[in-house]
Amino acid sequence: MFAKIDVNGDSAAGLYQWLKSEQPGDGDSSDIVWNFEKFLVNANGDVVKRFAPTVSPEEVAEQLDDLLG
């Protein structure tokens, strides 16, 4: 459960491969650039948005009402 996994490259964990394919981001690469990058997934399992590491959890929470409403 707490083992280190890869999030980029050929050996990236399947979850992160899927998240990045659904929301590739704005840069030249879909790679996760730093810890605390966030993905918002709705109740249907759709990846709704990807957030940079500098976006606070509070800013992400502001968008939850739209998904829960």
N, C-alpha and C. Protein backbone atom coordinates (compact mmCIF):
# COMPACT_ATOMS: atom_id res chain seq x y z
N MET A 1 0.81 -1.19 0.00
CA MET A 1 0.00 0.00 0.00
C MET A 1 0.86 1.26 0.00
N PHE A 2 1.99 1.23 0.63
CA PHE A 2 2.81 2.41 0.71
C PHE A 2 4.09 2.28 -0.10
N ALA A 3 4.12 1.37 -1.02
CA ALA A 3 5.31 1.19 -1.86
C ALA A 3 5.40 2.32 -2.87
N LYS A 4 6.60 2.69 -3.20
CA LYS A 4 6.83 3.71 -4.21
C LYS A 4 6.43 3.15 -5.58
N ILE A 5 5.75 3.98 -6.36
CA ILE A 5 5.39 3.59 -7.73
C ILE A 5 5.83 4.68 -8.69
N ASP A 6 5.92 4.33 -9.95
CA ASP A 6 6.24 5.32 -10.98
C ASP A 6 4.95 5.94 -11.47
N VAL A 7 5.00 7.25 -11.72
CA VAL A 7 3.84 7.94 -12.27
C VAL A 7 4.09 8.42 -13.69
N ASN A 8 5.33 8.35 -14.14
CA ASN A 8 5.71 8.74 -15.49
C ASN A 8 6.54 7.64 -16.13
N GLY A 9 6.64 7.68 -17.44
CA GLY A 9 7.48 6.72 -18.15
C GLY A 9 6.79 5.42 -18.46
N ASP A 10 7.56 4.51 -19.05
CA ASP A 10 7.02 3.22 -19.49
C ASP A 10 6.53 2.35 -18.34
N SER A 11 7.09 2.54 -17.15
CA SER A 11 6.70 1.71 -16.01
C SER A 11 5.70 2.41 -15.08
N ALA A 12 5.05 3.46 -15.57
CA ALA A 12 4.07 4.18 -14.75
C ALA A 12 2.92 3.25 -14.39
N ALA A 13 2.42 3.41 -13.18
CA ALA A 13 1.27 2.62 -12.71
C ALA A 13 0.07 2.89 -13.62
N GLY A 14 -0.73 1.87 -13.83
CA GLY A 14 -1.88 1.97 -14.72
C GLY A 14 -2.82 3.12 -14.40
N LEU A 15 -3.05 3.37 -13.13
CA LEU A 15 -3.93 4.47 -12.73
C LEU A 15 -3.42 5.79 -13.30
N TYR A 16 -2.12 6.03 -13.16
CA TYR A 16 -1.57 7.30 -13.62
C TYR A 16 -1.50 7.37 -15.14
N GLN A 17 -1.29 6.26 -15.79
CA GLN A 17 -1.34 6.25 -17.26
C GLN A 17 -2.73 6.68 -17.71
N TRP A 18 -3.75 6.12 -17.07
CA TRP A 18 -5.13 6.45 -17.43
C TRP A 18 -5.45 7.91 -17.13
N LEU A 19 -5.12 8.38 -15.91
CA LEU A 19 -5.40 9.76 -15.55
C LEU A 19 -4.77 10.73 -16.55
N LYS A 20 -3.52 10.49 -16.89
CA LYS A 20 -2.83 11.39 -17.82
C LYS A 20 -3.39 11.30 -19.23
N SER A 21 -3.89 10.14 -19.63
CA SER A 21 -4.48 10.02 -20.97
C SER A 21 -5.80 10.77 -21.04
N GLU A 22 -6.53 10.82 -19.94
CA GLU A 22 -7.82 11.52 -19.89
C GLU A 22 -7.66 13.03 -19.77
N GLN A 23 -6.64 13.46 -19.05
CA GLN A 23 -6.36 14.89 -18.85
C GLN A 23 -4.86 15.10 -19.02
N PRO A 24 -4.41 15.27 -20.27
CA PRO A 24 -2.97 15.34 -20.52
C PRO A 24 -2.28 16.60 -20.01
N GLY A 25 -3.00 17.63 -19.67
CA GLY A 25 -2.37 18.84 -19.16
C GLY A 25 -2.08 19.82 -20.28
N ASP A 26 -1.43 20.91 -19.91
CA ASP A 26 -1.21 22.01 -20.85
C ASP A 26 0.18 22.05 -21.46
N GLY A 27 1.12 21.31 -20.94
CA GLY A 27 2.50 21.38 -21.40
C GLY A 27 2.77 20.53 -22.62
N ASP A 28 4.04 20.42 -22.95
CA ASP A 28 4.47 19.61 -24.09
C ASP A 28 4.35 18.12 -23.80
N SER A 29 4.30 17.78 -22.53
CA SER A 29 4.24 16.39 -22.10
C SER A 29 3.09 16.23 -21.12
N SER A 30 2.53 15.03 -21.07
CA SER A 30 1.47 14.78 -20.09
C SER A 30 2.04 14.33 -18.75
N ASP A 31 3.37 14.30 -18.64
CA ASP A 31 4.00 13.84 -17.40
C ASP A 31 3.54 14.64 -16.19
N ILE A 32 3.47 13.96 -15.07
CA ILE A 32 3.24 14.62 -13.79
C ILE A 32 4.57 15.24 -13.39
N VAL A 33 4.53 16.55 -13.16
CA VAL A 33 5.79 17.27 -12.96
C VAL A 33 6.25 17.33 -11.51
N TRP A 34 5.33 17.18 -10.57
CA TRP A 34 5.72 17.29 -9.16
C TRP A 34 4.63 16.70 -8.29
N ASN A 35 4.98 16.33 -7.07
CA ASN A 35 3.98 15.84 -6.11
C ASN A 35 2.86 16.86 -5.96
N PHE A 36 1.75 16.41 -5.54
CA PHE A 36 0.57 17.22 -5.25
C PHE A 36 -0.16 17.69 -6.50
N GLU A 37 0.17 17.13 -7.66
CA GLU A 37 -0.67 17.36 -8.83
C GLU A 37 -1.97 16.60 -8.55
N LYS A 38 -3.10 17.19 -8.92
CA LYS A 38 -4.39 16.63 -8.52
C LYS A 38 -5.26 16.36 -9.74
N PHE A 39 -6.10 15.33 -9.64
CA PHE A 39 -7.07 15.01 -10.68
C PHE A 39 -8.44 14.93 -10.01
N LEU A 40 -9.43 15.55 -10.65
CA LEU A 40 -10.80 15.52 -10.14
C LEU A 40 -11.59 14.54 -10.99
N VAL A 41 -12.18 13.53 -10.33
CA VAL A 41 -12.92 12.47 -11.00
C VAL A 41 -14.36 12.52 -10.51
N ASN A 42 -15.33 12.50 -11.46
CA ASN A 42 -16.73 12.58 -11.07
C ASN A 42 -17.28 11.21 -10.67
N ALA A 43 -18.55 11.18 -10.30
CA ALA A 43 -19.18 9.95 -9.82
C ALA A 43 -19.26 8.87 -10.89
N ASN A 44 -19.20 9.25 -12.16
CA ASN A 44 -19.23 8.29 -13.26
C ASN A 44 -17.85 7.76 -13.61
N GLY A 45 -16.84 8.25 -12.91
CA GLY A 45 -15.48 7.81 -13.19
C GLY A 45 -14.79 8.58 -14.30
N ASP A 46 -15.38 9.71 -14.71
CA ASP A 46 -14.76 10.55 -15.73
C ASP A 46 -13.77 11.50 -15.08
N VAL A 47 -12.60 11.64 -15.68
CA VAL A 47 -11.62 12.60 -15.18
C VAL A 47 -12.04 13.98 -15.68
N VAL A 48 -12.48 14.82 -14.76
CA VAL A 48 -13.08 16.10 -15.11
C VAL A 48 -12.02 17.18 -15.30
N LYS A 49 -11.01 17.19 -14.46
CA LYS A 49 -10.02 18.26 -14.52
C LYS A 49 -8.72 17.83 -13.87
N ARG A 50 -7.66 18.44 -14.32
CA ARG A 50 -6.33 18.22 -13.77
C ARG A 50 -5.84 19.54 -13.21
N PHE A 51 -5.26 19.50 -12.02
CA PHE A 51 -4.81 20.71 -11.35
C PHE A 51 -3.31 20.67 -11.11
N ALA A 52 -2.67 21.80 -11.30
CA ALA A 52 -1.24 21.93 -11.05
C ALA A 52 -0.95 21.78 -9.56
N PRO A 53 0.29 21.45 -9.22
CA PRO A 53 0.64 21.30 -7.80
C PRO A 53 0.43 22.57 -6.98
N THR A 54 0.46 23.73 -7.65
CA THR A 54 0.30 25.00 -6.93
C THR A 54 -1.14 25.31 -6.59
N VAL A 55 -2.10 24.58 -7.14
CA VAL A 55 -3.51 24.79 -6.83
C VAL A 55 -3.80 24.15 -5.48
N SER A 56 -4.41 24.92 -4.60
CA SER A 56 -4.67 24.41 -3.24
C SER A 56 -5.87 23.47 -3.23
N PRO A 57 -5.93 22.59 -2.24
CA PRO A 57 -7.10 21.72 -2.09
C PRO A 57 -8.39 22.54 -1.94
N GLU A 58 -8.29 23.70 -1.33
CA GLU A 58 -9.47 24.55 -1.17
C GLU A 58 -10.00 25.03 -2.52
N GLU A 59 -9.09 25.33 -3.44
CA GLU A 59 -9.51 25.74 -4.78
C GLU A 59 -10.18 24.59 -5.53
N VAL A 60 -9.69 23.39 -5.32
CA VAL A 60 -10.32 22.22 -5.93
C VAL A 60 -11.70 22.02 -5.32
N ALA A 61 -11.81 22.18 -4.01
CA ALA A 61 -13.08 21.97 -3.30
C ALA A 61 -14.17 22.91 -3.81
N GLU A 62 -13.79 24.09 -4.26
CA GLU A 62 -14.77 25.04 -4.79
C GLU A 62 -15.51 24.47 -5.99
N GLN A 63 -14.91 23.54 -6.69
CA GLN A 63 -15.52 22.97 -7.88
C GLN A 63 -16.36 21.72 -7.58
N LEU A 64 -16.33 21.27 -6.35
CA LEU A 64 -17.08 20.06 -5.98
C LEU A 64 -18.58 20.27 -5.99
N ASP A 65 -19.05 21.45 -5.65
CA ASP A 65 -20.49 21.71 -5.63
C ASP A 65 -21.12 21.45 -6.99
N ASP A 66 -20.41 21.84 -8.06
CA ASP A 66 -20.93 21.60 -9.41
C ASP A 66 -21.08 20.11 -9.69
N LEU A 67 -20.15 19.31 -9.19
CA LEU A 67 -20.21 17.88 -9.43
C LEU A 67 -21.24 17.18 -8.54
N LEU A 68 -21.41 17.69 -7.34
CA LEU A 68 -22.30 17.06 -6.38
C LEU A 68 -23.74 17.55 -6.50
N GLY A 69 -23.93 18.68 -7.14
CA GLY A 69 -25.25 19.31 -7.21
C GLY A 69 -26.17 18.71 -8.15
